[in-house]
Protein backbone atom coordinates (compact mmCIF):
# COMPACT_ATOMS: atom_id res chain seq x y z
CA ARG A 1 -4.45 7.54 -25.94
CA PRO A 2 -2.76 5.02 -23.66
CA ARG A 3 -2.72 5.87 -19.85
CA ARG A 4 0.41 7.07 -18.41
CA PRO A 5 1.32 5.76 -15.14
CA ALA A 6 2.09 8.32 -12.00
CA PRO A 7 5.20 10.05 -11.99
CA LYS A 8 7.09 7.94 -9.73
CA LEU A 9 6.06 4.51 -11.33
CA ASN A 10 7.42 2.41 -14.20
CA VAL A 11 5.41 1.15 -16.83
CA TYR A 12 5.13 -1.90 -14.51
CA GLY A 13 3.21 0.25 -11.94
CA ARG A 14 6.20 -0.23 -9.36
CA LEU A 15 8.26 2.62 -7.98
CA ASP A 16 11.03 4.14 -10.47
CA ARG A 17 13.45 4.03 -7.01
CA ARG A 18 15.27 6.69 -8.84
CA ARG A 19 12.25 9.24 -8.48
CA ALA A 20 10.95 7.58 -4.87
CA THR A 21 11.78 9.06 -1.76
CA GLU A 22 13.06 6.48 1.10
CA SER A 23 10.15 6.37 2.82
CA GLU A 24 8.00 5.63 -0.50
CA ALA A 25 10.56 2.73 -1.24
CA ARG A 26 10.53 1.21 2.22
CA GLY A 27 6.36 1.06 1.99
CA GLU A 28 6.70 -0.66 -1.41
CA ASP A 29 9.04 -2.96 0.30
CA LEU A 30 6.65 -3.82 3.01
CA PHE A 31 3.51 -4.09 0.45
CA PHE A 32 5.03 -6.68 -1.49
CA GLY A 33 7.55 -8.22 0.68
CA LYS A 34 7.62 -8.33 4.81
CA ALA A 35 4.12 -7.11 5.19
CA ASN A 36 2.52 -9.22 2.26
CA CYS A 37 0.14 -6.53 1.48
CA ALA A 38 -0.34 -7.52 -2.31
CA SER A 39 -1.19 -11.01 -1.62
CA CYS A 40 -4.65 -9.74 -0.64
CA HIS A 41 -4.81 -6.23 -1.72
CA GLN A 42 -3.41 -7.06 -5.26
CA PRO A 43 -0.19 -5.40 -6.65
CA THR A 44 -2.80 -3.48 -8.51
CA LEU A 45 -4.10 -1.86 -5.21
CA ALA A 46 -7.48 -2.97 -6.47
CA GLY A 47 -8.39 -5.23 -3.94
CA GLN A 48 -9.97 -8.95 -3.70
CA ASN A 49 -12.89 -10.85 -1.77
CA GLU A 50 -12.34 -9.25 1.85
CA ALA A 51 -9.37 -7.08 1.15
CA PRO A 52 -11.16 -3.80 0.22
CA PRO A 53 -9.06 -1.62 -2.66
CA LEU A 54 -6.30 0.66 -1.57
CA ALA A 55 -6.50 3.25 -4.22
CA GLY A 56 -9.39 4.99 -6.09
CA ALA A 57 -12.70 6.90 -5.44
CA ASN A 58 -13.65 4.79 -2.52
CA PHE A 59 -10.01 4.55 -0.69
CA MET A 60 -10.19 8.32 -1.12
CA THR A 61 -13.98 8.79 0.42
CA THR A 62 -13.25 6.87 3.50
CA TRP A 63 -9.24 7.64 3.94
CA GLY A 64 -8.77 11.17 2.37
CA GLY A 65 -9.54 13.36 5.39
CA ARG A 66 -7.56 11.10 8.10
CA THR A 67 -3.93 10.91 8.70
CA THR A 68 -1.11 8.13 8.21
CA LYS A 69 -1.63 7.44 11.64
CA ASP A 70 -5.27 6.82 11.58
CA LEU A 71 -4.42 4.23 8.72
CA VAL A 72 -1.65 2.91 10.49
CA GLU A 73 -3.75 2.10 13.49
CA TYR A 74 -6.51 0.64 11.72
CA MET A 75 -4.21 -1.58 9.67
CA SER A 76 -2.31 -2.74 13.14
CA ALA A 77 -5.82 -3.63 14.44
CA THR A 78 -7.76 -5.40 11.43
CA MET A 79 -5.23 -6.74 9.30
CA PRO A 80 -4.58 -10.65 9.40
CA VAL A 81 -1.64 -11.44 11.73
CA MET A 82 1.31 -13.34 9.67
CA PRO A 83 4.67 -14.27 10.88
CA THR A 84 6.18 -11.14 9.66
CA MET A 85 3.46 -8.38 10.58
CA ASN A 86 4.73 -8.33 14.58
CA ALA A 87 7.22 -5.76 13.02
CA PHE A 88 4.72 -4.04 10.88
CA PRO A 89 3.74 -0.84 12.65
CA HIS A 90 7.37 -0.06 13.71
CA SER A 91 8.75 -0.50 9.81
CA LEU A 92 6.75 2.36 8.73
């Protein structure tokens, strides 16, 4: 039986913009665009090399009990500085 994507995702794993909230759409735009997260964490969120996965059991073990603010503060302090990252925290 084939795996079905999450309800708000299309068959390519991207947000179905008709079902997504404005905040979810903005997050995807940042992930694939201005913040360029996908270049290290991969479009599948699986991570690679030093970039940890952003989904799955390990991610939930680490971040499941924390707030979004905790995650944003962590990202702001530890993610590589890229020319477009200077507005990153304010873009969320």
